[in-house]
mmCIF file of all heavy atoms, coordinates in Angstrom:
data_MODEL
# 
_entry.id   MODEL 
# 
loop_
_atom_site.group_PDB 
_atom_site.id 
_atom_site.type_symbol 
_atom_site.label_atom_id 
_atom_site.label_alt_id 
_atom_site.label_comp_id 
_atom_site.label_asym_id 
_atom_site.label_entity_id 
_atom_site.label_seq_id 
_atom_site.pdbx_PDB_ins_code 
_atom_site.Cartn_x 
_atom_site.Cartn_y 
_atom_site.Cartn_z 
_atom_site.occupancy 
_atom_site.B_iso_or_equiv 
_atom_site.pdbx_formal_charge 
_atom_site.auth_seq_id 
_atom_site.auth_comp_id 
_atom_site.auth_asym_id 
_atom_site.auth_atom_id 
_atom_site.pdbx_PDB_model_num 
ATOM 1   N N   . GLU A 1 1  ? 0.833  -1.211 0.000   1.00 0.00 ? 1  GLU A N   1 
ATOM 2   C CA  . GLU A 1 1  ? 0.000  0.000  0.000   1.00 0.00 ? 1  GLU A CA  1 
ATOM 3   C C   . GLU A 1 1  ? 0.866  1.259  0.000   1.00 0.00 ? 1  GLU A C   1 
ATOM 4   O O   . GLU A 1 1  ? 0.568  2.225  -0.694  1.00 0.00 ? 1  GLU A O   1 
ATOM 5   C CB  . GLU A 1 1  ? -0.944 0.006  1.208   1.00 0.00 ? 1  GLU A CB  1 
ATOM 6   C CG  . GLU A 1 1  ? -1.869 1.191  1.244   1.00 0.00 ? 1  GLU A CG  1 
ATOM 7   C CD  . GLU A 1 1  ? -2.769 1.317  0.022   1.00 0.00 ? 1  GLU A CD  1 
ATOM 8   O OE1 . GLU A 1 1  ? -3.147 0.290  -0.577  1.00 0.00 ? 1  GLU A OE1 1 
ATOM 9   O OE2 . GLU A 1 1  ? -3.091 2.466  -0.332  1.00 0.00 ? 1  GLU A OE2 1 
ATOM 10  N N   . ILE A 1 2  ? 1.949  1.239  0.769   1.00 0.00 ? 2  ILE A N   1 
ATOM 11  C CA  . ILE A 1 2  ? 2.873  2.373  0.787   1.00 0.00 ? 2  ILE A CA  1 
ATOM 12  C C   . ILE A 1 2  ? 3.468  2.583  -0.604  1.00 0.00 ? 2  ILE A C   1 
ATOM 13  O O   . ILE A 1 2  ? 3.575  3.709  -1.083  1.00 0.00 ? 2  ILE A O   1 
ATOM 14  C CB  . ILE A 1 2  ? 3.988  2.154  1.835   1.00 0.00 ? 2  ILE A CB  1 
ATOM 15  C CG1 . ILE A 1 2  ? 3.382  2.207  3.238   1.00 0.00 ? 2  ILE A CG1 1 
ATOM 16  C CG2 . ILE A 1 2  ? 5.097  3.186  1.678   1.00 0.00 ? 2  ILE A CG2 1 
ATOM 17  C CD1 . ILE A 1 2  ? 4.325  1.762  4.334   1.00 0.00 ? 2  ILE A CD1 1 
ATOM 18  N N   . GLN A 1 3  ? 3.832  1.493  -1.261  1.00 0.00 ? 3  GLN A N   1 
ATOM 19  C CA  . GLN A 1 3  ? 4.399  1.571  -2.615  1.00 0.00 ? 3  GLN A CA  1 
ATOM 20  C C   . GLN A 1 3  ? 3.388  2.189  -3.586  1.00 0.00 ? 3  GLN A C   1 
ATOM 21  O O   . GLN A 1 3  ? 3.741  3.061  -4.387  1.00 0.00 ? 3  GLN A O   1 
ATOM 22  C CB  . GLN A 1 3  ? 4.817  0.188  -3.090  1.00 0.00 ? 3  GLN A CB  1 
ATOM 23  C CG  . GLN A 1 3  ? 5.453  0.185  -4.452  1.00 0.00 ? 3  GLN A CG  1 
ATOM 24  C CD  . GLN A 1 3  ? 5.830  -1.221 -4.901  1.00 0.00 ? 3  GLN A CD  1 
ATOM 25  O OE1 . GLN A 1 3  ? 5.397  -2.207 -4.321  1.00 0.00 ? 3  GLN A OE1 1 
ATOM 26  N NE2 . GLN A 1 3  ? 6.637  -1.305 -5.926  1.00 0.00 ? 3  GLN A NE2 1 
ATOM 27  N N   . LYS A 1 4  ? 2.144  1.776  -3.505  1.00 0.00 ? 4  LYS A N   1 
ATOM 28  C CA  . LYS A 1 4  ? 1.107  2.334  -4.386  1.00 0.00 ? 4  LYS A CA  1 
ATOM 29  C C   . LYS A 1 4  ? 0.937  3.839  -4.151  1.00 0.00 ? 4  LYS A C   1 
ATOM 30  O O   . LYS A 1 4  ? 0.797  4.610  -5.101  1.00 0.00 ? 4  LYS A O   1 
ATOM 31  C CB  . LYS A 1 4  ? -0.226 1.622  -4.154  1.00 0.00 ? 4  LYS A CB  1 
ATOM 32  C CG  . LYS A 1 4  ? -0.263 0.215  -4.683  1.00 0.00 ? 4  LYS A CG  1 
ATOM 33  C CD  . LYS A 1 4  ? -1.589 -0.450 -4.367  1.00 0.00 ? 4  LYS A CD  1 
ATOM 34  C CE  . LYS A 1 4  ? -1.612 -1.892 -4.804  1.00 0.00 ? 4  LYS A CE  1 
ATOM 35  N NZ  . LYS A 1 4  ? -2.885 -2.562 -4.445  1.00 0.00 ? 4  LYS A NZ  1 
ATOM 36  N N   . GLN A 1 5  ? 0.939  4.252  -2.885  1.00 0.00 ? 5  GLN A N   1 
ATOM 37  C CA  . GLN A 1 5  ? 0.793  5.666  -2.567  1.00 0.00 ? 5  GLN A CA  1 
ATOM 38  C C   . GLN A 1 5  ? 1.997  6.470  -3.060  1.00 0.00 ? 5  GLN A C   1 
ATOM 39  O O   . GLN A 1 5  ? 1.847  7.609  -3.516  1.00 0.00 ? 5  GLN A O   1 
ATOM 40  C CB  . GLN A 1 5  ? 0.600  5.858  -1.059  1.00 0.00 ? 5  GLN A CB  1 
ATOM 41  C CG  . GLN A 1 5  ? -0.712 5.306  -0.538  1.00 0.00 ? 5  GLN A CG  1 
ATOM 42  C CD  . GLN A 1 5  ? -1.921 5.968  -1.189  1.00 0.00 ? 5  GLN A CD  1 
ATOM 43  O OE1 . GLN A 1 5  ? -1.967 7.180  -1.367  1.00 0.00 ? 5  GLN A OE1 1 
ATOM 44  N NE2 . GLN A 1 5  ? -2.899 5.160  -1.560  1.00 0.00 ? 5  GLN A NE2 1 
ATOM 45  N N   . CYS A 1 6  ? 3.187  5.875  -2.985  1.00 0.00 ? 6  CYS A N   1 
ATOM 46  C CA  . CYS A 1 6  ? 4.390  6.556  -3.490  1.00 0.00 ? 6  CYS A CA  1 
ATOM 47  C C   . CYS A 1 6  ? 4.312  6.752  -4.996  1.00 0.00 ? 6  CYS A C   1 
ATOM 48  O O   . CYS A 1 6  ? 4.707  7.805  -5.504  1.00 0.00 ? 6  CYS A O   1 
ATOM 49  C CB  . CYS A 1 6  ? 5.646  5.765  -3.128  1.00 0.00 ? 6  CYS A CB  1 
ATOM 50  S SG  . CYS A 1 6  ? 6.147  5.983  -1.412  1.00 0.00 ? 6  CYS A SG  1 
ATOM 51  N N   . VAL A 1 7  ? 3.805  5.767  -5.706  1.00 0.00 ? 7  VAL A N   1 
ATOM 52  C CA  . VAL A 1 7  ? 3.646  5.888  -7.157  1.00 0.00 ? 7  VAL A CA  1 
ATOM 53  C C   . VAL A 1 7  ? 2.691  7.034  -7.482  1.00 0.00 ? 7  VAL A C   1 
ATOM 54  O O   . VAL A 1 7  ? 2.961  7.855  -8.365  1.00 0.00 ? 7  VAL A O   1 
ATOM 55  C CB  . VAL A 1 7  ? 3.166  4.557  -7.785  1.00 0.00 ? 7  VAL A CB  1 
ATOM 56  C CG1 . VAL A 1 7  ? 2.744  4.741  -9.229  1.00 0.00 ? 7  VAL A CG1 1 
ATOM 57  C CG2 . VAL A 1 7  ? 4.245  3.499  -7.677  1.00 0.00 ? 7  VAL A CG2 1 
ATOM 58  N N   . LEU A 1 8  ? 1.566  7.104  -6.759  1.00 0.00 ? 8  LEU A N   1 
ATOM 59  C CA  . LEU A 1 8  ? 0.618  8.209  -6.973  1.00 0.00 ? 8  LEU A CA  1 
ATOM 60  C C   . LEU A 1 8  ? 1.261  9.558  -6.675  1.00 0.00 ? 8  LEU A C   1 
ATOM 61  O O   . LEU A 1 8  ? 1.081  10.529 -7.418  1.00 0.00 ? 8  LEU A O   1 
ATOM 62  C CB  . LEU A 1 8  ? -0.620 8.023  -6.088  1.00 0.00 ? 8  LEU A CB  1 
ATOM 63  C CG  . LEU A 1 8  ? -1.555 6.875  -6.448  1.00 0.00 ? 8  LEU A CG  1 
ATOM 64  C CD1 . LEU A 1 8  ? -2.632 6.714  -5.376  1.00 0.00 ? 8  LEU A CD1 1 
ATOM 65  C CD2 . LEU A 1 8  ? -2.188 7.113  -7.802  1.00 0.00 ? 8  LEU A CD2 1 
ATOM 66  N N   . LEU A 1 9  ? 2.024  9.612  -5.601  1.00 0.00 ? 9  LEU A N   1 
ATOM 67  C CA  . LEU A 1 9  ? 2.692  10.851 -5.214  1.00 0.00 ? 9  LEU A CA  1 
ATOM 68  C C   . LEU A 1 9  ? 3.726  11.285 -6.245  1.00 0.00 ? 9  LEU A C   1 
ATOM 69  O O   . LEU A 1 9  ? 3.789  12.458 -6.635  1.00 0.00 ? 9  LEU A O   1 
ATOM 70  C CB  . LEU A 1 9  ? 3.349  10.667 -3.847  1.00 0.00 ? 9  LEU A CB  1 
ATOM 71  C CG  . LEU A 1 9  ? 3.936  11.886 -3.178  1.00 0.00 ? 9  LEU A CG  1 
ATOM 72  C CD1 . LEU A 1 9  ? 2.885  12.973 -3.003  1.00 0.00 ? 9  LEU A CD1 1 
ATOM 73  C CD2 . LEU A 1 9  ? 4.537  11.506 -1.842  1.00 0.00 ? 9  LEU A CD2 1 
ATOM 74  N N   . VAL A 1 10 ? 4.528  10.334 -6.730  1.00 0.00 ? 10 VAL A N   1 
ATOM 75  C CA  . VAL A 1 10 ? 5.539  10.637 -7.750  1.00 0.00 ? 10 VAL A CA  1 
ATOM 76  C C   . VAL A 1 10 ? 4.863  11.123 -9.031  1.00 0.00 ? 10 VAL A C   1 
ATOM 77  O O   . VAL A 1 10 ? 5.302  12.108 -9.643  1.00 0.00 ? 10 VAL A O   1 
ATOM 78  C CB  . VAL A 1 10 ? 6.452  9.425  -8.013  1.00 0.00 ? 10 VAL A CB  1 
ATOM 79  C CG1 . VAL A 1 10 ? 7.272  9.604  -9.271  1.00 0.00 ? 10 VAL A CG1 1 
ATOM 80  C CG2 . VAL A 1 10 ? 7.360  9.170  -6.813  1.00 0.00 ? 10 VAL A CG2 1 
ATOM 81  N N   . ASN A 1 11 ? 3.801  10.453 -9.433  1.00 0.00 ? 11 ASN A N   1 
ATOM 82  C CA  . ASN A 1 11 ? 3.088  10.877 -10.645 1.00 0.00 ? 11 ASN A CA  1 
ATOM 83  C C   . ASN A 1 11 ? 2.521  12.289 -10.493 1.00 0.00 ? 11 ASN A C   1 
ATOM 84  O O   . ASN A 1 11 ? 2.584  13.097 -11.421 1.00 0.00 ? 11 ASN A O   1 
ATOM 85  C CB  . ASN A 1 11 ? 1.978  9.880  -10.991 1.00 0.00 ? 11 ASN A CB  1 
ATOM 86  C CG  . ASN A 1 11 ? 2.527  8.581  -11.532 1.00 0.00 ? 11 ASN A CG  1 
ATOM 87  O OD1 . ASN A 1 11 ? 3.657  8.517  -12.010 1.00 0.00 ? 11 ASN A OD1 1 
ATOM 88  N ND2 . ASN A 1 11 ? 1.747  7.522  -11.428 1.00 0.00 ? 11 ASN A ND2 1 
ATOM 89  N N   . SER A 1 12 ? 1.975  12.594 -9.321  1.00 0.00 ? 12 SER A N   1 
ATOM 90  C CA  . SER A 1 12 ? 1.439  13.936 -9.071  1.00 0.00 ? 12 SER A CA  1 
ATOM 91  C C   . SER A 1 12 ? 2.551  14.977 -9.084  1.00 0.00 ? 12 SER A C   1 
ATOM 92  O O   . SER A 1 12 ? 2.377  16.073 -9.623  1.00 0.00 ? 12 SER A O   1 
ATOM 93  C CB  . SER A 1 12 ? 0.721  13.968 -7.720  1.00 0.00 ? 12 SER A CB  1 
ATOM 94  O OG  . SER A 1 12 ? -0.403 13.124 -7.751  1.00 0.00 ? 12 SER A OG  1 
ATOM 95  N N   . ALA A 1 13 ? 3.692  14.634 -8.485  1.00 0.00 ? 13 ALA A N   1 
ATOM 96  C CA  . ALA A 1 13 ? 4.826  15.572 -8.470  1.00 0.00 ? 13 ALA A CA  1 
ATOM 97  C C   . ALA A 1 13 ? 5.334  15.829 -9.886  1.00 0.00 ? 13 ALA A C   1 
ATOM 98  O O   . ALA A 1 13 ? 5.675  16.961 -10.226 1.00 0.00 ? 13 ALA A O   1 
ATOM 99  C CB  . ALA A 1 13 ? 5.948  15.013 -7.589  1.00 0.00 ? 13 ALA A CB  1 
ATOM 100 N N   . ARG A 1 14 ? 5.378  14.795 -10.694 1.00 0.00 ? 14 ARG A N   1 
ATOM 101 C CA  . ARG A 1 14 ? 5.808  14.976 -12.098 1.00 0.00 ? 14 ARG A CA  1 
ATOM 102 C C   . ARG A 1 14 ? 4.864  15.901 -12.841 1.00 0.00 ? 14 ARG A C   1 
ATOM 103 O O   . ARG A 1 14 ? 5.301  16.799 -13.570 1.00 0.00 ? 14 ARG A O   1 
ATOM 104 C CB  . ARG A 1 14 ? 5.874  13.624 -12.806 1.00 0.00 ? 14 ARG A CB  1 
ATOM 105 C CG  . ARG A 1 14 ? 7.083  12.814 -12.435 1.00 0.00 ? 14 ARG A CG  1 
ATOM 106 C CD  . ARG A 1 14 ? 7.159  11.528 -13.222 1.00 0.00 ? 14 ARG A CD  1 
ATOM 107 N NE  . ARG A 1 14 ? 8.333  10.776 -12.834 1.00 0.00 ? 14 ARG A NE  1 
ATOM 108 C CZ  . ARG A 1 14 ? 8.389  9.465  -12.739 1.00 0.00 ? 14 ARG A CZ  1 
ATOM 109 N NH1 . ARG A 1 14 ? 7.324  8.728  -13.007 1.00 0.00 ? 14 ARG A NH1 1 
ATOM 110 N NH2 . ARG A 1 14 ? 9.502  8.876  -12.371 1.00 0.00 ? 14 ARG A NH2 1 
ATOM 111 N N   . LYS A 1 15 ? 3.551  15.681 -12.658 1.00 0.00 ? 15 LYS A N   1 
ATOM 112 C CA  . LYS A 1 15 ? 2.564  16.536 -13.332 1.00 0.00 ? 15 LYS A CA  1 
ATOM 113 C C   . LYS A 1 15 ? 2.690  17.988 -12.894 1.00 0.00 ? 15 LYS A C   1 
ATOM 114 O O   . LYS A 1 15 ? 2.460  18.905 -13.673 1.00 0.00 ? 15 LYS A O   1 
ATOM 115 C CB  . LYS A 1 15 ? 1.146  16.039 -13.045 1.00 0.00 ? 15 LYS A CB  1 
ATOM 116 C CG  . LYS A 1 15 ? 0.773  14.795 -13.805 1.00 0.00 ? 15 LYS A CG  1 
ATOM 117 C CD  . LYS A 1 15 ? -0.653 14.383 -13.493 1.00 0.00 ? 15 LYS A CD  1 
ATOM 118 C CE  . LYS A 1 15 ? -0.976 13.071 -14.153 1.00 0.00 ? 15 LYS A CE  1 
ATOM 119 N NZ  . LYS A 1 15 ? -2.337 12.609 -13.789 1.00 0.00 ? 15 LYS A NZ  1 
ATOM 120 N N   . ALA A 1 16 ? 3.063  18.198 -11.634 1.00 0.00 ? 16 ALA A N   1 
ATOM 121 C CA  . ALA A 1 16 ? 3.202  19.558 -11.105 1.00 0.00 ? 16 ALA A CA  1 
ATOM 122 C C   . ALA A 1 16 ? 4.539  20.184 -11.474 1.00 0.00 ? 16 ALA A C   1 
ATOM 123 O O   . ALA A 1 16 ? 4.776  21.349 -11.176 1.00 0.00 ? 16 ALA A O   1 
ATOM 124 C CB  . ALA A 1 16 ? 3.047  19.534 -9.588  1.00 0.00 ? 16 ALA A CB  1 
ATOM 125 N N   . GLY A 1 17 ? 5.428  19.417 -12.104 1.00 0.00 ? 17 GLY A N   1 
ATOM 126 C CA  . GLY A 1 17 ? 6.720  19.948 -12.506 1.00 0.00 ? 17 GLY A CA  1 
ATOM 127 C C   . GLY A 1 17 ? 7.735  20.026 -11.371 1.00 0.00 ? 17 GLY A C   1 
ATOM 128 O O   . GLY A 1 17 ? 8.693  20.787 -11.451 1.00 0.00 ? 17 GLY A O   1 
ATOM 129 N N   . MET A 1 18 ? 7.500  19.245 -10.333 1.00 0.00 ? 18 MET A N   1 
ATOM 130 C CA  . MET A 1 18 ? 8.426  19.256 -9.188  1.00 0.00 ? 18 MET A CA  1 
ATOM 131 C C   . MET A 1 18 ? 9.653  18.400 -9.475  1.00 0.00 ? 18 MET A C   1 
ATOM 132 O O   . MET A 1 18 ? 9.596  17.448 -10.231 1.00 0.00 ? 18 MET A O   1 
ATOM 133 C CB  . MET A 1 18 ? 7.723  18.708 -7.937  1.00 0.00 ? 18 MET A CB  1 
ATOM 134 C CG  . MET A 1 18 ? 6.611  19.580 -7.433  1.00 0.00 ? 18 MET A CG  1 
ATOM 135 S SD  . MET A 1 18 ? 5.700  18.833 -6.067  1.00 0.00 ? 18 MET A SD  1 
ATOM 136 C CE  . MET A 1 18 ? 6.960  18.754 -4.822  1.00 0.00 ? 18 MET A CE  1 
ATOM 137 N N   . ARG A 1 19 ? 10.743 18.753 -8.808  1.00 0.00 ? 19 ARG A N   1 
ATOM 138 C CA  . ARG A 1 19 ? 11.938 17.907 -8.856  1.00 0.00 ? 19 ARG A CA  1 
ATOM 139 C C   . ARG A 1 19 ? 11.699 16.718 -7.941  1.00 0.00 ? 19 ARG A C   1 
ATOM 140 O O   . ARG A 1 19 ? 11.031 16.839 -6.914  1.00 0.00 ? 19 ARG A O   1 
ATOM 141 C CB  . ARG A 1 19 ? 13.159 18.683 -8.397  1.00 0.00 ? 19 ARG A CB  1 
ATOM 142 C CG  . ARG A 1 19 ? 13.560 19.777 -9.385  1.00 0.00 ? 19 ARG A CG  1 
ATOM 143 C CD  . ARG A 1 19 ? 14.562 20.688 -8.789  1.00 0.00 ? 19 ARG A CD  1 
ATOM 144 N NE  . ARG A 1 19 ? 13.837 21.509 -7.820  1.00 0.00 ? 19 ARG A NE  1 
ATOM 145 C CZ  . ARG A 1 19 ? 14.343 22.518 -7.174  1.00 0.00 ? 19 ARG A CZ  1 
ATOM 146 N NH1 . ARG A 1 19 ? 15.592 22.840 -7.327  1.00 0.00 ? 19 ARG A NH1 1 
ATOM 147 N NH2 . ARG A 1 19 ? 13.618 23.224 -6.340  1.00 0.00 ? 19 ARG A NH2 1 
ATOM 148 N N   . ILE A 1 20 ? 12.248 15.570 -8.315  1.00 0.00 ? 20 ILE A N   1 
ATOM 149 C CA  . ILE A 1 20 ? 12.084 14.349 -7.522  1.00 0.00 ? 20 ILE A CA  1 
ATOM 150 C C   . ILE A 1 20 ? 13.463 13.759 -7.262  1.00 0.00 ? 20 ILE A C   1 
ATOM 151 O O   . ILE A 1 20 ? 14.249 13.577 -8.192  1.00 0.00 ? 20 ILE A O   1 
ATOM 152 C CB  . ILE A 1 20 ? 11.192 13.320 -8.252  1.00 0.00 ? 20 ILE A CB  1 
ATOM 153 C CG1 . ILE A 1 20 ? 9.835  13.936 -8.579  1.00 0.00 ? 20 ILE A CG1 1 
ATOM 154 C CG2 . ILE A 1 20 ? 11.023 12.063 -7.402  1.00 0.00 ? 20 ILE A CG2 1 
ATOM 155 C CD1 . ILE A 1 20 ? 8.965  13.105 -9.479  1.00 0.00 ? 20 ILE A CD1 1 
ATOM 156 N N   . PHE A 1 21 ? 13.740 13.483 -5.990  1.00 0.00 ? 21 PHE A N   1 
ATOM 157 C CA  . PHE A 1 21 ? 15.003 12.877 -5.602  1.00 0.00 ? 21 PHE A CA  1 
ATOM 158 C C   . PHE A 1 21 ? 14.725 11.518 -4.966  1.00 0.00 ? 21 PHE A C   1 
ATOM 159 O O   . PHE A 1 21 ? 13.857 11.405 -4.108  1.00 0.00 ? 21 PHE A O   1 
ATOM 160 C CB  . PHE A 1 21 ? 15.743 13.759 -4.586  1.00 0.00 ? 21 PHE A CB  1 
ATOM 161 C CG  . PHE A 1 21 ? 16.140 15.091 -5.141  1.00 0.00 ? 21 PHE A CG  1 
ATOM 162 C CD1 . PHE A 1 21 ? 15.315 16.192 -5.006  1.00 0.00 ? 21 PHE A CD1 1 
ATOM 163 C CD2 . PHE A 1 21 ? 17.343 15.238 -5.809  1.00 0.00 ? 21 PHE A CD2 1 
ATOM 164 C CE1 . PHE A 1 21 ? 15.682 17.428 -5.517  1.00 0.00 ? 21 PHE A CE1 1 
ATOM 165 C CE2 . PHE A 1 21 ? 17.713 16.473 -6.337  1.00 0.00 ? 21 PHE A CE2 1 
ATOM 166 C CZ  . PHE A 1 21 ? 16.879 17.562 -6.182  1.00 0.00 ? 21 PHE A CZ  1 
ATOM 167 N N   . TYR A 1 22 ? 15.465 10.520 -5.406  1.00 0.00 ? 22 TYR A N   1 
ATOM 168 C CA  . TYR A 1 22 ? 15.364 9.185  -4.832  1.00 0.00 ? 22 TYR A CA  1 
ATOM 169 C C   . TYR A 1 22 ? 16.621 8.940  -4.008  1.00 0.00 ? 22 TYR A C   1 
ATOM 170 O O   . TYR A 1 22 ? 17.734 9.129  -4.500  1.00 0.00 ? 22 TYR A O   1 
ATOM 171 C CB  . TYR A 1 22 ? 15.258 8.125  -5.930  1.00 0.00 ? 22 TYR A CB  1 
ATOM 172 C CG  . TYR A 1 22 ? 14.014 8.269  -6.772  1.00 0.00 ? 22 TYR A CG  1 
ATOM 173 C CD1 . TYR A 1 22 ? 14.020 9.043  -7.926  1.00 0.00 ? 22 TYR A CD1 1 
ATOM 174 C CD2 . TYR A 1 22 ? 12.834 7.650  -6.414  1.00 0.00 ? 22 TYR A CD2 1 
ATOM 175 C CE1 . TYR A 1 22 ? 12.886 9.194  -8.702  1.00 0.00 ? 22 TYR A CE1 1 
ATOM 176 C CE2 . TYR A 1 22 ? 11.689 7.788  -7.183  1.00 0.00 ? 22 TYR A CE2 1 
ATOM 177 C CZ  . TYR A 1 22 ? 11.729 8.561  -8.327  1.00 0.00 ? 22 TYR A CZ  1 
ATOM 178 O OH  . TYR A 1 22 ? 10.609 8.705  -9.087  1.00 0.00 ? 22 TYR A OH  1 
ATOM 179 N N   . THR A 1 23 ? 16.434 8.552  -2.762  1.00 0.00 ? 23 THR A N   1 
ATOM 180 C CA  . THR A 1 23 ? 17.581 8.279  -1.905  1.00 0.00 ? 23 THR A CA  1 
ATOM 181 C C   . THR A 1 23 ? 17.478 6.862  -1.368  1.00 0.00 ? 23 THR A C   1 
ATOM 182 O O   . THR A 1 23 ? 16.424 6.246  -1.405  1.00 0.00 ? 23 THR A O   1 
ATOM 183 C CB  . THR A 1 23 ? 17.644 9.257  -0.718  1.00 0.00 ? 23 THR A CB  1 
ATOM 184 O OG1 . THR A 1 23 ? 16.508 9.038  0.116   1.00 0.00 ? 23 THR A OG1 1 
ATOM 185 C CG2 . THR A 1 23 ? 17.678 10.687 -1.185  1.00 0.00 ? 23 THR A CG2 1 
ATOM 186 N N   . ARG A 1 24 ? 18.582 6.395  -0.843  1.00 0.00 ? 24 ARG A N   1 
ATOM 187 C CA  . ARG A 1 24 ? 18.592 5.062  -0.271  1.00 0.00 ? 24 ARG A CA  1 
ATOM 188 C C   . ARG A 1 24 ? 19.538 5.060  0.913   1.00 0.00 ? 24 ARG A C   1 
ATOM 189 O O   . ARG A 1 24 ? 20.605 5.654  0.869   1.00 0.00 ? 24 ARG A O   1 
ATOM 190 C CB  . ARG A 1 24 ? 18.981 4.079  -1.353  1.00 0.00 ? 24 ARG A CB  1 
ATOM 191 C CG  . ARG A 1 24 ? 20.092 3.205  -1.086  1.00 0.00 ? 24 ARG A CG  1 
ATOM 192 C CD  . ARG A 1 24 ? 20.352 2.218  -2.193  1.00 0.00 ? 24 ARG A CD  1 
ATOM 193 N NE  . ARG A 1 24 ? 20.948 1.092  -1.530  1.00 0.00 ? 24 ARG A NE  1 
ATOM 194 C CZ  . ARG A 1 24 ? 21.731 0.223  -2.086  1.00 0.00 ? 24 ARG A CZ  1 
ATOM 195 N NH1 . ARG A 1 24 ? 22.000 0.311  -3.349  1.00 0.00 ? 24 ARG A NH1 1 
ATOM 196 N NH2 . ARG A 1 24 ? 22.221 -0.758 -1.399  1.00 0.00 ? 24 ARG A NH2 1 
ATOM 197 N N   . HIS A 1 25 ? 19.118 4.418  1.958   1.00 0.00 ? 25 HIS A N   1 
ATOM 198 C CA  . HIS A 1 25 ? 19.939 4.317  3.154   1.00 0.00 ? 25 HIS A CA  1 
ATOM 199 C C   . HIS A 1 25 ? 20.914 3.156  2.983   1.00 0.00 ? 25 HIS A C   1 
ATOM 200 O O   . HIS A 1 25 ? 20.544 2.099  2.483   1.00 0.00 ? 25 HIS A O   1 
ATOM 201 C CB  . HIS A 1 25 ? 19.058 4.072  4.371   1.00 0.00 ? 25 HIS A CB  1 
ATOM 202 C CG  . HIS A 1 25 ? 19.845 3.940  5.630   1.00 0.00 ? 25 HIS A CG  1 
ATOM 203 N ND1 . HIS A 1 25 ? 20.306 5.031  6.313   1.00 0.00 ? 25 HIS A ND1 1 
ATOM 204 C CD2 . HIS A 1 25 ? 20.265 2.851  6.295   1.00 0.00 ? 25 HIS A CD2 1 
ATOM 205 C CE1 . HIS A 1 25 ? 20.980 4.617  7.370   1.00 0.00 ? 25 HIS A CE1 1 
ATOM 206 N NE2 . HIS A 1 25 ? 20.967 3.310  7.383   1.00 0.00 ? 25 HIS A NE2 1 
# 
């Protein structure tokens, strides 16, 4: 469910023209 919500969030950020950073611990 968290993964699905992240996909929706990333798609929304892309549509809004936001920068997206992926990090990993």
